[in-house]
Amino acid sequence: MGLMRTALLAGSHSTWLRERATRYGFVRRSVSRFMPGERIEDALAAAEGLRPRRIATILTQLGENITALEEGDEVTRHYLDVLERVSRANLDAQISVKLTQLGLDQDKERCFANLMLLLQRAAPLGNVVWIDMESSEYVDATLDQFRRARAVSDRVGVALQAYLRRTPADLESLLPLGPAIRLVKGAYREPPELAFPRKVDVDEAYYSLATRFLSSSPLATGAFLGIATHDSRLIDRLGRFLATIPAASDRYEFEMLYGIQRPLQTRLVDEGSRLRVLISYGDYWFPWYMRRLAERPANVLFVVKSLLAG
């Protein structure tokens, strides 16, 4: 793992740094590149703005590891309202939640009950609830909740992280369920015995996982893959593979973050690919922001330019 990425991931856990960095205008200006605003209204406006470009969206309120169950209930009520607002606006916008936002640390059954409330509302609205993946210590609990939810609803998906060494086995265990999977590279600080430290190994793991999923014969009913990466070389490599299995064309889409690789987003849509952009909002943005910087050196360069321009 590069020194800069290590430092940025370490910084994402620093309360001291978060309290100070968020006061500076240049930091907030650079954040605005990746996040349209802190309010749900900002996220909905951004989703509406992407509609003419034929780009669908996923909405996620930033935050994790709540400290009281009442906070989890509040987050659940918030997402229930988001589902209603998306429906009224006729937006192709799904939601993505972290289970530690719903009470996973405090009470796994209460967390699952909150998740089910979201699924029960999403289903009649024709929407989908994505479960985000957190650090490695939460993988087992997250997949357990996903399996339970998938047993009663096909309107739920889960993220898997390619950089974790355990993910191939996790994928194999999920394939019989016909899962909806969002495949990401992974952005948490993990020890090398748990996660590949070298980018080249993560890239190869990602390609292997994506092709394994898409070449499952036949894909189980409901199986769907969100190819969530901004890596143009990896996308082109997967594109060549996808051209060999046209039967899977309705079982995947490309997914990216708001504000990142915009020319690549436009290119994919122009080529006829389905694209969904994840729009983050909320005031707990600093840890998420630091992980975004750690993902791509170009993001750090953008911050430096913002500082010089300020």
Protein backbone atom coordinates (compact mmCIF):
# COMPACT_ATOMS: atom_id res chain seq x y z
CA MET A 1 0.00 0.00 0.00
CA GLY A 2 1.42 3.44 -0.96
CA LEU A 3 2.49 5.82 1.77
CA MET A 4 0.01 8.49 0.68
CA ARG A 5 -2.91 6.04 0.68
CA THR A 6 -1.87 4.72 4.10
CA ALA A 7 -1.71 8.25 5.50
CA LEU A 8 -5.09 9.24 4.04
CA LEU A 9 -6.81 6.12 5.36
CA ALA A 10 -5.28 6.68 8.78
CA GLY A 11 -6.47 10.27 8.66
CA SER A 12 -10.03 9.14 7.96
CA HIS A 13 -10.18 7.79 11.53
CA SER A 14 -8.80 10.93 13.17
CA THR A 15 -11.34 12.91 15.19
CA TRP A 16 -8.76 15.66 15.68
CA LEU A 17 -8.20 16.03 11.95
CA ARG A 18 -11.92 15.87 11.16
CA GLU A 19 -12.78 18.65 13.60
CA ARG A 20 -10.12 20.95 12.14
CA ALA A 21 -10.15 20.15 8.43
CA THR A 22 -13.90 20.63 8.03
CA ARG A 23 -13.52 24.28 9.09
CA TYR A 24 -11.48 25.22 6.04
CA GLY A 25 -13.13 26.57 2.93
CA PHE A 26 -10.72 24.90 0.50
CA VAL A 27 -11.60 21.49 1.99
CA ARG A 28 -15.30 22.14 1.59
CA ARG A 29 -14.73 23.38 -1.97
CA SER A 30 -12.89 20.20 -2.90
CA VAL A 31 -15.60 18.06 -1.25
CA SER A 32 -18.21 19.73 -3.44
CA ARG A 33 -16.65 18.04 -6.44
CA PHE A 34 -17.75 14.67 -5.06
CA MET A 35 -20.86 15.65 -3.11
CA PRO A 36 -23.51 18.13 -4.32
CA GLY A 37 -24.44 19.16 -0.77
CA GLU A 38 -25.20 17.98 2.74
CA ARG A 39 -29.02 17.90 2.42
CA ILE A 40 -31.21 15.28 0.80
CA GLU A 41 -32.65 18.11 -1.30
CA ASP A 42 -29.18 18.65 -2.77
CA ALA A 43 -28.87 14.96 -3.63
CA LEU A 44 -32.33 14.82 -5.22
CA ALA A 45 -31.57 17.92 -7.30
CA ALA A 46 -28.33 16.32 -8.49
CA ALA A 47 -30.19 13.12 -9.40
CA GLU A 48 -32.73 15.17 -11.35
CA GLY A 49 -29.88 16.90 -13.14
CA LEU A 50 -28.41 13.58 -14.26
CA ARG A 51 -31.72 12.31 -15.65
CA PRO A 52 -31.41 14.08 -19.06
CA ARG A 53 -27.99 12.44 -19.46
CA ARG A 54 -29.64 9.01 -19.02
CA ILE A 55 -27.75 8.40 -15.78
CA ALA A 56 -29.57 6.65 -12.92
CA THR A 57 -28.56 7.16 -9.31
CA ILE A 58 -28.11 5.69 -5.85
CA LEU A 59 -28.59 7.94 -2.81
CA THR A 60 -26.69 7.42 0.43
CA GLN A 61 -26.65 9.45 3.62
CA LEU A 62 -23.11 9.51 4.96
CA GLY A 63 -22.49 8.17 8.45
CA GLU A 64 -21.62 4.95 10.24
CA ASN A 65 -21.27 3.46 13.71
CA ILE A 66 -24.12 5.21 15.47
CA THR A 67 -23.98 5.14 19.26
CA ALA A 68 -27.65 4.71 20.18
CA LEU A 69 -30.49 2.62 18.79
CA GLU A 70 -32.69 5.70 18.55
CA GLU A 71 -30.30 7.06 15.94
CA GLY A 72 -30.81 3.93 13.87
CA ASP A 73 -34.56 4.40 14.01
CA GLU A 74 -34.10 8.00 12.89
CA VAL A 75 -31.93 6.93 9.95
CA THR A 76 -34.59 4.37 9.00
CA ARG A 77 -37.30 7.04 9.03
CA HIS A 78 -35.08 9.25 6.90
CA TYR A 79 -34.65 6.57 4.24
CA LEU A 80 -38.35 5.76 4.27
CA ASP A 81 -38.97 9.41 3.45
CA VAL A 82 -36.29 9.30 0.73
CA LEU A 83 -38.03 6.33 -0.91
CA GLU A 84 -41.30 8.28 -0.96
CA ARG A 85 -39.69 11.40 -2.36
CA VAL A 86 -37.93 9.45 -5.10
CA SER A 87 -41.22 7.83 -6.05
CA ARG A 88 -43.07 11.15 -6.19
CA ALA A 89 -40.34 12.61 -8.41
CA ASN A 90 -40.40 9.53 -10.65
CA LEU A 91 -36.62 9.22 -10.35
CA ASP A 92 -34.63 6.08 -11.10
CA ALA A 93 -32.83 6.45 -7.77
CA GLN A 94 -32.14 3.62 -5.35
CA ILE A 95 -30.86 3.88 -1.76
CA SER A 96 -27.75 2.47 -0.10
CA VAL A 97 -27.37 2.07 3.67
CA LYS A 98 -24.64 1.03 6.07
CA LEU A 99 -25.90 -1.46 8.63
CA THR A 100 -24.00 0.32 11.41
CA GLN A 101 -26.32 3.25 10.61
CA LEU A 102 -29.29 1.02 11.39
CA GLY A 103 -28.03 -0.29 14.74
CA LEU A 104 -25.82 -3.26 13.89
CA ASP A 105 -23.35 -2.49 16.70
CA GLN A 106 -26.08 -2.17 19.30
CA ASP A 107 -28.67 -4.84 18.41
CA LYS A 108 -28.49 -7.05 15.32
CA GLU A 109 -32.20 -7.92 15.47
CA ARG A 110 -33.23 -4.27 15.71
CA CYS A 111 -30.93 -3.54 12.79
CA PHE A 112 -32.57 -6.29 10.75
CA ALA A 113 -36.03 -5.00 11.65
CA ASN A 114 -35.03 -1.56 10.37
CA LEU A 115 -33.67 -3.10 7.18
CA MET A 116 -36.93 -4.97 6.66
CA LEU A 117 -38.94 -1.77 7.10
CA LEU A 118 -36.97 -0.28 4.23
CA LEU A 119 -37.44 -3.35 2.04
CA GLN A 120 -41.16 -3.53 2.77
CA ARG A 121 -41.54 0.05 1.58
CA ALA A 122 -39.17 -0.28 -1.38
CA ALA A 123 -40.91 -3.33 -2.87
CA PRO A 124 -44.31 -1.77 -3.73
CA LEU A 125 -42.50 1.31 -5.04
CA GLY A 126 -40.41 -0.86 -7.37
CA ASN A 127 -37.21 0.29 -5.70
CA VAL A 128 -34.08 -1.43 -4.36
CA VAL A 129 -32.21 -1.20 -1.05
CA TRP A 130 -28.45 -1.68 -1.24
CA ILE A 131 -26.45 -2.75 1.81
CA ASP A 132 -23.06 -1.09 1.80
CA MET A 133 -20.04 -3.07 2.99
CA GLU A 134 -17.94 -1.66 5.79
CA SER A 135 -14.56 -2.70 7.22
CA SER A 136 -13.57 -6.36 7.37
CA GLU A 137 -14.81 -6.87 10.93
CA TYR A 138 -18.36 -6.38 9.67
CA VAL A 139 -18.35 -8.69 6.66
CA ASP A 140 -19.81 -11.77 8.37
CA ALA A 141 -22.57 -9.83 10.11
CA THR A 142 -23.39 -7.89 6.95
CA LEU A 143 -23.63 -11.00 4.78
CA ASP A 144 -25.75 -12.72 7.42
CA GLN A 145 -28.26 -9.85 7.34
CA PHE A 146 -28.20 -9.84 3.53
CA ARG A 147 -28.91 -13.58 3.34
CA ARG A 148 -31.85 -13.23 5.73
CA ALA A 149 -33.23 -10.30 3.78
CA ARG A 150 -32.72 -12.00 0.40
CA ALA A 151 -34.72 -15.00 1.66
CA VAL A 152 -37.83 -12.80 1.83
CA SER A 153 -37.17 -10.12 -0.81
CA ASP A 154 -35.41 -9.78 -4.15
CA ARG A 155 -35.29 -5.98 -3.74
CA VAL A 156 -32.02 -6.06 -1.78
CA GLY A 157 -28.37 -6.02 -2.86
CA VAL A 158 -25.02 -6.04 -1.08
CA ALA A 159 -21.55 -4.68 -1.79
CA LEU A 160 -18.50 -6.94 -1.94
CA GLN A 161 -14.93 -5.65 -1.77
CA ALA A 162 -12.45 -7.07 -4.27
CA TYR A 163 -9.39 -6.27 -2.17
CA LEU A 164 -10.39 -8.66 0.61
CA ARG A 165 -8.78 -12.07 0.23
CA ARG A 166 -11.95 -13.77 1.48
CA THR A 167 -14.26 -12.32 -1.19
CA PRO A 168 -14.01 -15.15 -3.79
CA ALA A 169 -15.34 -17.59 -1.17
CA ASP A 170 -18.05 -15.12 -0.15
CA LEU A 171 -19.14 -14.72 -3.77
CA GLU A 172 -19.35 -18.47 -4.29
CA SER A 173 -21.53 -18.80 -1.20
CA LEU A 174 -23.90 -16.09 -2.46
CA LEU A 175 -24.25 -17.13 -6.12
CA PRO A 176 -26.96 -19.75 -5.47
CA LEU A 177 -29.17 -16.98 -4.04
CA GLY A 178 -29.27 -15.07 -7.31
CA PRO A 179 -27.84 -12.02 -5.56
CA ALA A 180 -27.58 -8.41 -6.58
CA ILE A 181 -23.94 -7.54 -5.96
CA ARG A 182 -22.19 -4.19 -6.14
CA LEU A 183 -18.54 -5.02 -6.69
CA VAL A 184 -16.15 -2.37 -5.39
CA LYS A 185 -12.39 -2.39 -4.93
CA GLY A 186 -12.49 -1.47 -1.24
CA ALA A 187 -11.48 1.70 0.58
CA TYR A 188 -10.85 0.83 4.22
CA ARG A 189 -7.49 0.44 5.92
CA GLU A 190 -6.94 -3.32 6.21
CA PRO A 191 -3.86 -5.41 7.14
CA PRO A 192 -2.11 -7.25 4.28
CA GLU A 193 -3.13 -10.65 5.63
CA LEU A 194 -6.77 -9.64 5.02
CA ALA A 195 -6.55 -7.43 1.93
CA PHE A 196 -4.29 -7.21 -1.10
CA PRO A 197 -1.96 -4.23 -0.57
CA ARG A 198 -0.94 -3.86 -4.25
CA LYS A 199 -3.22 -2.23 -6.80
CA VAL A 200 -2.29 -4.73 -9.50
CA ASP A 201 -3.50 -7.60 -7.30
CA VAL A 202 -6.72 -5.78 -6.44
CA ASP A 203 -7.37 -5.13 -10.13
CA GLU A 204 -6.85 -8.79 -10.99
CA ALA A 205 -9.09 -9.88 -8.13
CA TYR A 206 -11.79 -7.48 -9.32
CA TYR A 207 -11.66 -8.80 -12.88
CA SER A 208 -11.74 -12.39 -11.70
CA LEU A 209 -14.75 -11.77 -9.41
CA ALA A 210 -16.72 -9.87 -12.06
CA THR A 211 -16.14 -12.45 -14.77
CA ARG A 212 -16.94 -15.29 -12.39
CA PHE A 213 -20.26 -13.68 -11.55
CA LEU A 214 -21.23 -12.88 -15.12
CA SER A 215 -20.19 -16.24 -16.53
CA SER A 216 -22.24 -18.22 -14.01
CA SER A 217 -24.27 -20.58 -16.17
CA PRO A 218 -27.07 -19.88 -15.98
CA LEU A 219 -27.24 -16.76 -13.85
CA ALA A 220 -29.74 -17.42 -11.09
CA THR A 221 -33.01 -15.49 -11.21
CA GLY A 222 -32.51 -12.00 -9.86
CA ALA A 223 -28.72 -12.04 -10.18
CA PHE A 224 -27.36 -8.61 -10.99
CA LEU A 225 -23.90 -7.03 -10.90
CA GLY A 226 -23.04 -3.42 -10.27
CA ILE A 227 -19.57 -2.92 -11.78
CA ALA A 228 -18.51 -0.13 -9.43
CA THR A 229 -15.13 1.21 -10.51
CA HIS A 230 -13.62 4.34 -12.04
CA ASP A 231 -10.65 2.44 -13.48
CA SER A 232 -10.90 2.99 -17.23
CA ARG A 233 -8.44 0.21 -18.08
CA LEU A 234 -10.37 -2.26 -15.97
CA ILE A 235 -13.65 -1.10 -17.49
CA ASP A 236 -12.27 -1.56 -21.01
CA ARG A 237 -10.95 -5.00 -20.13
CA LEU A 238 -14.34 -6.02 -18.72
CA GLY A 239 -16.02 -4.51 -21.76
CA ARG A 240 -14.13 -6.91 -24.00
CA PHE A 241 -15.25 -9.81 -21.83
CA LEU A 242 -18.86 -8.60 -21.75
CA ALA A 243 -18.93 -8.51 -25.55
CA THR A 244 -18.53 -12.28 -25.52
CA ILE A 245 -21.64 -12.88 -23.36
CA PRO A 246 -24.46 -10.71 -24.77
CA ALA A 247 -27.01 -12.84 -22.90
CA ALA A 248 -25.90 -11.12 -19.68
CA SER A 249 -26.52 -7.60 -21.00
CA ASP A 250 -29.51 -7.03 -18.71
CA ARG A 251 -27.72 -8.37 -15.64
CA TYR A 252 -25.17 -5.64 -15.05
CA GLU A 253 -24.57 -1.91 -15.04
CA PHE A 254 -21.57 0.32 -14.48
CA GLU A 255 -21.57 2.35 -11.28
CA MET A 256 -19.48 5.36 -10.31
CA LEU A 257 -19.40 8.15 -7.74
CA TYR A 258 -20.82 11.57 -8.37
CA GLY A 259 -18.23 13.93 -9.81
CA ILE A 260 -15.53 11.35 -10.54
CA GLN A 261 -14.43 10.43 -14.08
CA ARG A 262 -17.17 12.49 -15.72
CA PRO A 263 -15.76 12.09 -19.27
CA LEU A 264 -15.69 8.32 -18.76
CA GLN A 265 -19.28 8.42 -17.50
CA THR A 266 -20.33 10.27 -20.64
CA ARG A 267 -18.44 7.84 -22.86
CA LEU A 268 -20.11 4.79 -21.32
CA VAL A 269 -23.59 6.27 -21.73
CA ASP A 270 -22.84 7.29 -25.32
CA GLU A 271 -21.73 3.73 -26.03
CA GLY A 272 -25.08 2.43 -24.79
CA SER A 273 -23.99 1.13 -21.39
CA ARG A 274 -26.21 1.48 -18.38
CA LEU A 275 -24.69 3.75 -15.75
CA ARG A 276 -25.72 4.52 -12.19
CA VAL A 277 -24.02 7.21 -10.11
CA LEU A 278 -23.88 7.13 -6.33
CA ILE A 279 -24.69 10.49 -4.76
CA SER A 280 -23.61 10.99 -1.16
CA TYR A 281 -24.94 13.66 1.19
CA GLY A 282 -24.99 14.45 4.90
CA ASP A 283 -22.77 16.26 7.37
CA TYR A 284 -20.65 13.25 8.37
CA TRP A 285 -18.56 13.45 5.22
CA PHE A 286 -14.96 13.66 6.39
CA PRO A 287 -14.09 9.90 6.73
CA TRP A 288 -15.79 9.20 3.41
CA TYR A 289 -13.94 12.11 1.80
CA MET A 290 -10.55 10.86 3.00
CA ARG A 291 -11.26 7.40 1.58
CA ARG A 292 -12.14 8.99 -1.78
CA LEU A 293 -8.80 10.81 -1.79
CA ALA A 294 -7.01 7.56 -0.97
CA GLU A 295 -8.60 5.81 -3.95
CA ARG A 296 -7.06 8.00 -6.66
CA PRO A 297 -3.98 10.29 -6.60
CA ALA A 298 -5.77 12.58 -9.06
CA ASN A 299 -8.24 13.45 -6.32
CA VAL A 300 -5.41 14.70 -4.11
CA LEU A 301 -4.13 16.85 -6.98
CA PHE A 302 -7.56 18.43 -7.24
CA VAL A 303 -7.45 19.39 -3.55
CA VAL A 304 -3.99 20.92 -3.98
CA LYS A 305 -5.25 22.99 -6.91
CA SER A 306 -8.23 24.11 -4.80
CA LEU A 307 -5.86 25.19 -2.02
CA LEU A 308 -3.71 27.23 -4.41
CA ALA A 309 -6.77 28.82 -5.94
CA GLY A 310 -8.15 29.75 -2.53
